[in-house]
């Protein structure tokens, strides 16, 4: 049995780098037929646009799902939300995608509406010290999984009767209720337990819930595998800037761990693709050293509403890009740069308060906003041909793909 083609796609920023469009391009370019969601959960927002105008923001389906025959695998490191999965499935079912090509690991944690409500309640209670959460229950699901051995997982949904699911969901509610009471909220009362049971059973009937060994059999037989990372390395639970981080590892570590556990896959060649825009963005609270509040860069798919707050923009931050690359223990082997049709006027070349040789870095919001060392982008560099190459040379990574538009037709492989 020959090794499948393997790519691991990660974001080098705070998220929103365009990872979904890269995964879509890779599935078309390499013939890969399997996308593994290896971290994060339903808070992912990976936009894929097709030349005919079709657009979808992928949350739990793999971003290669518009390519015929591509399967999504939700790994054990993925946090699965059955309720929002069904909403996404309904939307995609109208645009050529089916749930019949989705597999979920039995050991993946499950987000319930109780986790979501507690997440939103806790964030509102923080007031001016809010973390910038998406409000989709990710942190509460992870905390629940750490606190209780019987926290809900996908295996609890497979083949369960209504009575069994009812009891398991009541156990979740009972475990979270004391914290809701401490926060002075009674919002759990508005949730319909019967409706949640129905939705969870519908999810279990729509996807294949399989063991780790069954999933590895699928991976060994795949033509190509794209491990699709969520969020960005600067939000990593170990390497990001607390408390404005995600409850997940956003480096390639989970993907590499999954590969290392299989005797065949561990020896297969793999490429680790780091994705960035040619300017910096952030959705949510936290340090943003190069932020320019009134920077006039268009944004098609990220708004200023929702729990996370405004979508923020700033000049390219090379020190933070270097830091993100260093957080990947095996390094970044390929660099993909999106949005080169909007090359910035300046970029940051150094930050006196950021020591990128330390892992993890120590940085406070006050330090992050201190004076930067800026370089103006020359007219020569501003061209789509030269600015991406200058970034790649600064990072010491091979420039592999350049995107100057939203569709796969505008993603250009570099030779």
Protein backbone atom coordinates (compact mmCIF):
# COMPACT_ATOMS: atom_id res chain seq x y z
CA UNK A 1 0.00 0.00 0.00
CA UNK A 2 1.49 3.33 -1.07
CA UNK A 3 1.52 6.45 1.09
CA UNK A 4 -1.16 9.06 0.44
CA UNK A 5 -0.22 12.66 -0.30
CA UNK A 6 -0.36 14.53 3.04
CA UNK A 7 -0.63 18.26 3.72
CA UNK A 8 -1.14 19.97 7.09
CA UNK A 9 -2.63 23.47 6.76
CA UNK A 10 -2.26 25.93 9.66
CA UNK A 11 -2.81 29.66 10.10
CA UNK A 12 0.16 31.84 11.05
CA UNK A 13 -1.91 34.62 12.60
CA UNK A 14 -4.96 35.11 14.80
CA UNK A 15 -7.19 33.21 12.36
CA UNK A 16 -8.99 34.37 9.18
CA UNK A 17 -5.87 33.86 7.03
CA UNK A 18 -7.79 32.09 4.24
CA UNK A 19 -7.08 28.47 5.22
CA UNK A 20 -10.36 27.23 3.75
CA UNK A 21 -9.54 28.52 0.29
CA UNK A 22 -6.13 26.79 0.47
CA UNK A 23 -7.72 23.46 1.45
CA UNK A 24 -10.19 23.77 -1.44
CA UNK A 25 -7.31 24.49 -3.85
CA UNK A 26 -5.25 21.56 -2.54
CA UNK A 27 -8.11 19.10 -3.01
CA UNK A 28 -8.45 20.23 -6.62
CA UNK A 29 -4.74 20.43 -7.32
CA UNK A 30 -3.52 17.20 -5.67
CA UNK A 31 -6.52 14.91 -5.96
CA UNK A 32 -6.76 14.56 -2.17
CA UNK A 33 -10.03 12.90 -1.23
CA UNK A 34 -9.98 13.28 2.58
CA UNK A 35 -10.02 16.36 4.80
CA UNK A 36 -9.33 15.84 8.51
CA UNK A 37 -10.50 18.54 10.91
CA UNK A 38 -7.84 18.10 13.59
CA UNK A 39 -8.51 20.87 16.11
CA UNK A 40 -10.99 23.49 17.23
CA UNK A 41 -14.71 23.16 16.76
CA UNK A 42 -17.78 24.84 15.34
CA UNK A 43 -16.27 28.31 15.84
CA UNK A 44 -14.19 27.83 12.69
CA UNK A 45 -15.23 30.08 9.80
CA UNK A 46 -13.40 28.99 6.65
CA UNK A 47 -14.71 30.73 3.56
CA UNK A 48 -14.69 29.06 0.16
CA UNK A 49 -15.90 30.88 -2.95
CA UNK A 50 -16.42 29.22 -6.32
CA UNK A 51 -16.06 30.96 -9.70
CA UNK A 52 -19.84 30.67 -10.27
CA UNK A 53 -20.50 32.80 -7.16
CA UNK A 54 -21.30 29.95 -4.76
CA UNK A 55 -20.00 30.70 -1.27
CA UNK A 56 -20.01 28.87 2.05
CA UNK A 57 -18.39 29.48 5.43
CA UNK A 58 -17.23 26.02 6.50
CA UNK A 59 -17.43 25.33 10.24
CA UNK A 60 -17.41 21.56 10.73
CA UNK A 61 -17.37 20.21 7.20
CA UNK A 62 -13.95 20.10 5.57
CA UNK A 63 -13.33 23.04 3.24
CA UNK A 64 -12.71 20.64 0.36
CA UNK A 65 -16.34 19.54 0.42
CA UNK A 66 -17.23 21.30 -2.82
CA UNK A 67 -14.93 18.86 -4.64
CA UNK A 68 -16.85 15.73 -5.59
CA UNK A 69 -16.13 12.70 -3.43
CA UNK A 70 -14.10 14.46 -0.73
CA UNK A 71 -14.76 13.02 2.75
CA UNK A 72 -14.60 14.95 6.04
CA UNK A 73 -13.21 13.26 9.14
CA UNK A 74 -13.84 14.90 12.49
CA UNK A 75 -10.91 13.65 14.57
CA UNK A 76 -10.91 12.98 18.30
CA UNK A 77 -9.30 16.42 18.78
CA UNK A 78 -12.28 18.10 17.12
CA UNK A 79 -15.08 19.46 19.32
CA UNK A 80 -18.31 18.47 17.59
CA UNK A 81 -21.53 20.48 17.80
CA UNK A 82 -24.38 18.30 16.44
CA UNK A 83 -26.91 21.14 16.43
CA UNK A 84 -24.89 23.57 14.30
CA UNK A 85 -23.60 20.68 12.17
CA UNK A 86 -27.16 19.95 11.03
CA UNK A 87 -27.72 23.62 10.17
CA UNK A 88 -24.55 23.61 8.07
CA UNK A 89 -25.52 20.30 6.46
CA UNK A 90 -28.88 21.74 5.46
CA UNK A 91 -27.21 24.73 3.78
CA UNK A 92 -24.62 22.58 2.00
CA UNK A 93 -27.25 20.06 0.93
CA UNK A 94 -28.65 22.78 -1.30
CA UNK A 95 -25.25 23.37 -2.91
CA UNK A 96 -24.05 19.87 -3.86
CA UNK A 97 -22.69 18.56 -0.49
CA UNK A 98 -24.00 15.60 1.50
CA UNK A 99 -23.61 14.37 5.08
CA UNK A 100 -22.93 10.88 3.71
CA UNK A 101 -19.27 11.79 3.38
CA UNK A 102 -18.69 12.74 7.03
CA UNK A 103 -17.08 10.55 9.70
CA UNK A 104 -16.74 11.46 13.38
CA UNK A 105 -14.36 9.85 15.86
CA UNK A 106 -16.17 8.17 18.74
CA UNK A 107 -13.92 9.97 21.23
CA UNK A 108 -14.57 13.52 20.02
CA UNK A 109 -16.11 15.77 22.68
CA UNK A 110 -19.63 17.04 22.01
CA UNK A 111 -20.83 20.62 22.54
CA UNK A 112 -24.41 20.85 23.75
CA UNK A 113 -26.65 23.94 23.85
CA UNK A 114 -25.98 24.02 27.61
CA UNK A 115 -22.27 24.60 26.97
CA UNK A 116 -23.11 27.35 24.49
CA UNK A 117 -25.45 29.21 26.85
CA UNK A 118 -22.96 28.99 29.74
CA UNK A 119 -20.18 30.27 27.46
CA UNK A 120 -22.20 33.33 26.43
CA UNK A 121 -23.37 33.99 30.00
CA UNK A 122 -19.83 33.85 31.37
CA UNK A 123 -18.50 36.17 28.66
CA UNK A 124 -21.21 38.75 29.27
CA UNK A 125 -20.41 38.65 32.99
CA UNK A 126 -16.78 39.57 32.28
CA UNK A 127 -17.82 43.02 31.09
CA UNK A 128 -14.82 45.11 30.05
CA UNK A 129 -12.48 42.17 30.76
CA UNK A 130 -14.14 39.93 28.16
CA UNK A 131 -11.93 37.48 26.30
CA UNK A 132 -13.44 37.87 22.83
CA UNK A 133 -15.06 34.44 22.66
CA UNK A 134 -17.15 33.41 19.66
CA UNK A 135 -19.84 32.24 22.09
CA UNK A 136 -20.10 28.72 20.65
CA UNK A 137 -19.32 26.81 23.81
CA UNK A 138 -15.82 25.59 22.98
CA UNK A 139 -14.17 26.52 26.28
CA UNK A 140 -17.05 25.15 28.34
CA UNK A 141 -16.97 21.86 26.44
CA UNK A 142 -13.25 21.44 27.07
CA UNK A 143 -13.61 22.36 30.74
CA UNK A 144 -16.44 19.85 31.07
CA UNK A 145 -14.27 17.19 29.43
CA UNK A 146 -11.46 17.87 31.89
CA UNK A 147 -13.78 17.87 34.91
CA UNK A 148 -15.91 14.80 34.19
CA UNK A 149 -14.92 11.35 32.92
CA UNK A 150 -18.45 10.91 31.58
CA UNK A 151 -18.53 14.20 29.60
CA UNK A 152 -20.52 13.74 26.41
CA UNK A 153 -18.64 12.35 23.41
CA UNK A 154 -19.73 11.20 19.96
CA UNK A 155 -19.85 7.58 21.14
CA UNK A 156 -22.73 8.57 23.43
CA UNK A 157 -24.79 9.51 20.38
CA UNK A 158 -24.23 6.35 18.31
CA UNK A 159 -27.25 4.08 18.53
CA UNK A 160 -28.58 5.71 21.69
CA UNK A 161 -32.29 5.64 22.44
CA UNK A 162 -34.20 8.81 23.25
CA UNK A 163 -34.30 7.78 26.89
CA UNK A 164 -30.52 7.25 27.03
CA UNK A 165 -29.75 10.55 25.31
CA UNK A 166 -32.22 12.31 27.58
CA UNK A 167 -30.35 11.00 30.63
CA UNK A 168 -26.92 11.93 29.24
CA UNK A 169 -28.04 15.47 28.43
CA UNK A 170 -29.58 15.86 31.87
CA UNK A 171 -26.19 14.87 33.33
CA UNK A 172 -24.56 17.68 31.31
CA UNK A 173 -27.17 20.17 32.47
CA UNK A 174 -26.80 19.12 36.10
CA UNK A 175 -23.01 19.47 35.93
CA UNK A 176 -23.18 23.00 34.49
CA UNK A 177 -26.16 24.29 36.46
CA UNK A 178 -24.20 25.35 39.60
CA UNK A 179 -22.02 27.72 37.54
CA UNK A 180 -25.10 29.18 35.85
CA UNK A 181 -26.61 29.78 39.27
CA UNK A 182 -23.41 31.46 40.47
CA UNK A 183 -23.65 33.80 37.46
CA UNK A 184 -27.27 34.53 38.34
CA UNK A 185 -28.73 33.12 35.12
CA UNK A 186 -31.74 30.90 34.50
CA UNK A 187 -31.30 30.69 30.74
CA UNK A 188 -31.14 26.88 30.79
CA UNK A 189 -34.89 26.96 31.39
CA UNK A 190 -35.53 28.23 27.87
CA UNK A 191 -33.83 25.23 26.25
CA UNK A 192 -36.03 22.36 25.08
CA UNK A 193 -34.44 19.08 26.14
CA UNK A 194 -36.72 17.12 23.81
CA UNK A 195 -35.66 19.24 20.86
CA UNK A 196 -31.98 18.73 21.68
CA UNK A 197 -32.49 14.95 21.87
CA UNK A 198 -34.13 14.98 18.42
CA UNK A 199 -31.29 16.98 16.89
CA UNK A 200 -28.60 14.79 18.41
CA UNK A 201 -30.29 11.64 17.13
CA UNK A 202 -30.53 13.22 13.68
CA UNK A 203 -26.78 13.90 13.78
CA UNK A 204 -26.03 10.30 14.77
CA UNK A 205 -28.13 9.09 11.84
CA UNK A 206 -26.47 11.45 9.36
CA UNK A 207 -22.76 10.74 9.98
CA UNK A 208 -20.60 7.66 10.48
CA UNK A 209 -19.43 7.56 14.10
CA UNK A 210 -16.38 5.30 14.05
CA UNK A 211 -13.53 4.04 16.20
CA UNK A 212 -9.98 5.28 15.80
CA UNK A 213 -8.95 2.08 14.01
CA UNK A 214 -11.82 2.39 11.52
CA UNK A 215 -10.75 5.95 10.80
CA UNK A 216 -7.11 4.92 10.29
CA UNK A 217 -8.28 2.33 7.74
CA UNK A 218 -9.94 5.16 5.81
CA UNK A 219 -6.77 7.27 6.00
CA UNK A 220 -4.51 4.45 4.80
CA UNK A 221 -6.75 3.96 1.77
CA UNK A 222 -7.01 7.66 0.92
CA UNK A 223 -5.44 9.08 -2.23
CA UNK A 224 -4.49 12.22 -0.35
CA UNK A 225 -5.14 13.73 3.09
CA UNK A 226 -5.46 17.40 3.96
CA UNK A 227 -5.32 18.13 7.69
CA UNK A 228 -7.29 21.36 8.04
CA UNK A 229 -6.33 23.49 11.03
CA UNK A 230 -8.69 25.95 12.69
CA UNK A 231 -7.97 29.40 14.17
CA UNK A 232 -4.33 30.57 14.05
CA UNK A 233 -1.11 29.73 15.88
CA UNK A 234 -1.19 33.08 17.71
CA UNK A 235 -4.35 31.83 19.46
CA UNK A 236 -2.79 28.52 20.56
CA UNK A 237 -3.58 27.51 24.15
CA UNK A 238 0.14 27.10 24.88
CA UNK A 239 1.80 29.69 22.64
CA UNK A 240 -0.85 32.41 22.34
CA UNK A 241 -1.32 35.52 24.47
CA UNK A 242 -3.51 34.67 27.45
CA UNK A 243 -6.32 35.10 28.24
CA UNK A 244 -7.17 35.82 24.60
CA UNK A 245 -6.53 32.30 23.33
CA UNK A 246 -8.54 29.31 22.17
CA UNK A 247 -9.00 26.05 24.08
CA UNK A 248 -7.11 24.00 21.52
CA UNK A 249 -3.69 23.44 19.99
CA UNK A 250 -3.52 25.38 16.72
CA UNK A 251 0.00 24.32 15.69
CA UNK A 252 0.36 21.10 13.61
CA UNK A 253 0.91 19.05 16.79
CA UNK A 254 -2.46 17.24 16.81
CA UNK A 255 -2.17 16.33 13.14
CA UNK A 256 1.37 15.03 13.65
CA UNK A 257 0.18 13.07 16.68
CA UNK A 258 -2.55 11.39 14.64
CA UNK A 259 -0.07 10.45 11.92
CA UNK A 260 2.50 9.14 14.42
CA UNK A 261 0.01 6.65 15.87
CA UNK A 262 -0.29 4.65 12.64
CA UNK A 263 2.54 2.38 11.52
CA UNK A 264 2.16 3.27 7.83
CA UNK A 265 1.20 6.94 8.01
CA UNK A 266 3.96 7.92 10.42
CA UNK A 267 6.59 7.30 7.73
CA UNK A 268 4.73 9.09 4.94
CA UNK A 269 6.08 12.39 3.64
CA UNK A 270 4.05 15.42 4.63
CA UNK A 271 4.15 19.14 3.91
CA UNK A 272 3.23 21.71 6.55
CA UNK A 273 1.64 24.72 4.90
CA UNK A 274 1.57 28.00 6.83
CA UNK A 275 -1.07 30.48 5.63
CA UNK A 276 -1.07 34.24 6.09
CA UNK A 277 -2.54 37.32 4.52
CA UNK A 278 -0.14 40.03 3.37
CA UNK A 279 -1.55 42.14 6.20
CA UNK A 280 -2.61 41.20 9.74
CA UNK A 281 -6.16 40.66 11.02
CA UNK A 282 -7.80 39.74 14.29
CA UNK A 283 -11.40 39.00 15.25
CA UNK A 284 -11.86 39.45 18.98
CA UNK A 285 -10.13 40.96 21.98
CA UNK A 286 -6.41 40.84 22.72
CA UNK A 287 -3.01 42.26 21.68
CA UNK A 288 -2.62 43.50 18.11
CA UNK A 289 0.75 45.29 17.77
CA UNK A 290 0.26 46.63 14.25
CA UNK A 291 -3.45 47.47 14.35
CA UNK A 292 -4.58 50.49 12.32
CA UNK A 293 -8.28 51.02 13.27
CA UNK A 294 -9.22 52.98 10.15
CA UNK A 295 -7.20 50.91 7.68
CA UNK A 296 -9.30 50.89 4.52
CA UNK A 297 -9.00 47.24 3.53
CA UNK A 298 -12.20 45.54 2.31
CA UNK A 299 -13.54 42.43 4.02
CA UNK A 300 -16.10 40.26 2.26
CA UNK A 301 -16.87 37.64 4.89
CA UNK A 302 -16.07 38.95 8.38
CA UNK A 303 -18.38 41.43 10.08
CA UNK A 304 -18.24 43.49 13.27
CA UNK A 305 -21.21 41.86 14.99
CA UNK A 306 -21.46 38.82 17.25
CA UNK A 307 -19.76 37.88 20.51
CA UNK A 308 -16.24 38.29 19.09
CA UNK A 309 -16.79 41.97 18.29
CA UNK A 310 -15.21 44.04 15.51
CA UNK A 311 -13.04 42.58 12.77
CA UNK A 312 -9.66 44.31 13.15
CA UNK A 313 -6.95 45.05 10.57
CA UNK A 314 -3.35 46.21 10.62
CA UNK A 315 -0.04 46.15 8.78
CA UNK A 316 1.84 42.90 8.27
CA UNK A 317 3.69 41.89 11.46
CA UNK A 318 6.85 39.99 10.49
CA UNK A 319 8.03 39.41 14.11
CA UNK A 320 4.75 37.67 14.94
CA UNK A 321 4.92 35.65 11.71
CA UNK A 322 8.41 34.52 12.65
CA UNK A 323 7.20 33.61 16.11
CA UNK A 324 4.30 31.57 14.70
CA UNK A 325 6.70 29.62 12.47
CA UNK A 326 8.95 28.87 15.46
CA UNK A 327 5.99 27.52 17.43
CA UNK A 328 5.77 24.63 14.95
CA UNK A 329 8.29 22.11 16.27
CA UNK A 330 8.90 20.60 12.83
CA UNK A 331 8.84 23.98 11.09
CA UNK A 332 6.77 25.31 8.19
CA UNK A 333 7.80 23.75 4.88
CA UNK A 334 5.55 25.74 2.54
CA UNK A 335 4.16 29.30 2.68
CA UNK A 336 0.80 30.36 1.24
CA UNK A 337 0.02 34.09 1.11
CA UNK A 338 -3.50 35.36 0.46
CA UNK A 339 -4.91 38.80 -0.35
CA UNK A 340 -1.83 39.96 -2.26
CA UNK A 341 -4.16 42.15 -4.33
CA UNK A 342 -4.24 44.40 -1.25
CA UNK A 343 -0.55 44.84 -0.48
CA UNK A 344 -0.07 47.16 2.53
CA UNK A 345 1.74 50.49 2.60
CA UNK A 346 3.94 49.45 5.53
CA UNK A 347 5.05 46.38 7.39
CA UNK A 348 6.53 45.84 10.83
CA UNK A 349 10.09 44.52 10.84
CA UNK A 350 10.82 44.50 14.59
CA UNK A 351 9.18 44.82 17.98
CA UNK A 352 11.47 45.68 20.93
CA UNK A 353 9.10 43.96 23.37
CA UNK A 354 8.79 40.69 21.43
CA UNK A 355 11.55 38.12 21.87
CA UNK A 356 10.72 35.53 19.22
CA UNK A 357 13.47 33.21 20.47
CA UNK A 358 11.41 32.36 23.56
CA UNK A 359 8.64 29.75 23.49
CA UNK A 360 6.10 30.65 24.60
CA UNK A 361 6.65 34.39 24.30
CA UNK A 362 5.72 36.67 27.18
CA UNK A 363 3.77 39.68 25.99
CA UNK A 364 1.18 41.95 27.56
CA UNK A 365 -1.32 44.12 25.79
CA UNK A 366 0.51 47.24 26.95
CA UNK A 367 3.83 45.96 25.59
CA UNK A 368 2.21 44.90 22.34
CA UNK A 369 1.06 48.46 21.67
CA UNK A 370 4.48 50.01 22.19
CA UNK A 371 6.41 51.64 19.38
CA UNK A 372 7.16 49.42 16.40
CA UNK A 373 9.90 49.62 13.78
CA UNK A 374 8.18 50.18 10.45
CA UNK A 375 9.31 49.87 6.86
CA UNK A 376 7.44 51.41 3.96
CA UNK A 377 6.58 48.99 1.18
CA UNK A 378 8.31 50.18 -1.98
CA UNK A 379 6.52 50.36 -5.31
CA UNK A 380 8.71 47.48 -6.45
CA UNK A 381 7.68 45.32 -3.48
CA UNK A 382 3.99 46.18 -3.79
CA UNK A 383 3.58 44.05 -6.90
CA UNK A 384 1.96 40.62 -6.42
CA UNK A 385 5.16 39.06 -7.77
CA UNK A 386 7.64 40.64 -5.38
CA UNK A 387 5.98 41.30 -2.01
CA UNK A 388 5.11 37.62 -1.32
CA UNK A 389 8.65 36.58 -2.19
CA UNK A 390 10.06 39.21 0.17
CA UNK A 391 7.90 37.83 3.01
CA UNK A 392 8.99 34.27 2.29
CA UNK A 393 12.67 35.24 2.27
CA UNK A 394 12.28 37.09 5.57
CA UNK A 395 10.73 33.99 7.15
CA UNK A 396 13.12 31.56 5.48
CA UNK A 397 10.25 29.47 4.10
CA UNK A 398 9.62 28.41 0.52
CA UNK A 399 6.91 30.49 -1.17
CA UNK A 400 4.48 27.89 -2.46
CA UNK A 401 1.15 29.57 -3.23
CA UNK A 402 -0.04 33.13 -3.82
CA UNK A 403 -3.69 34.17 -3.74
CA UNK A 404 -4.91 37.37 -5.37
CA UNK A 405 -8.63 36.66 -5.16
CA UNK A 406 -11.21 34.52 -3.34
CA UNK A 407 -11.64 31.49 -5.67
CA UNK A 408 -9.42 28.52 -6.43
CA UNK A 409 -8.79 30.03 -9.87
CA UNK A 410 -7.03 32.95 -8.16
CA UNK A 411 -4.72 30.75 -6.06
CA UNK A 412 -1.47 30.36 -7.98
CA UNK A 413 1.03 27.61 -7.26
CA UNK A 414 4.64 28.84 -7.37
CA UNK A 415 7.30 26.86 -9.19
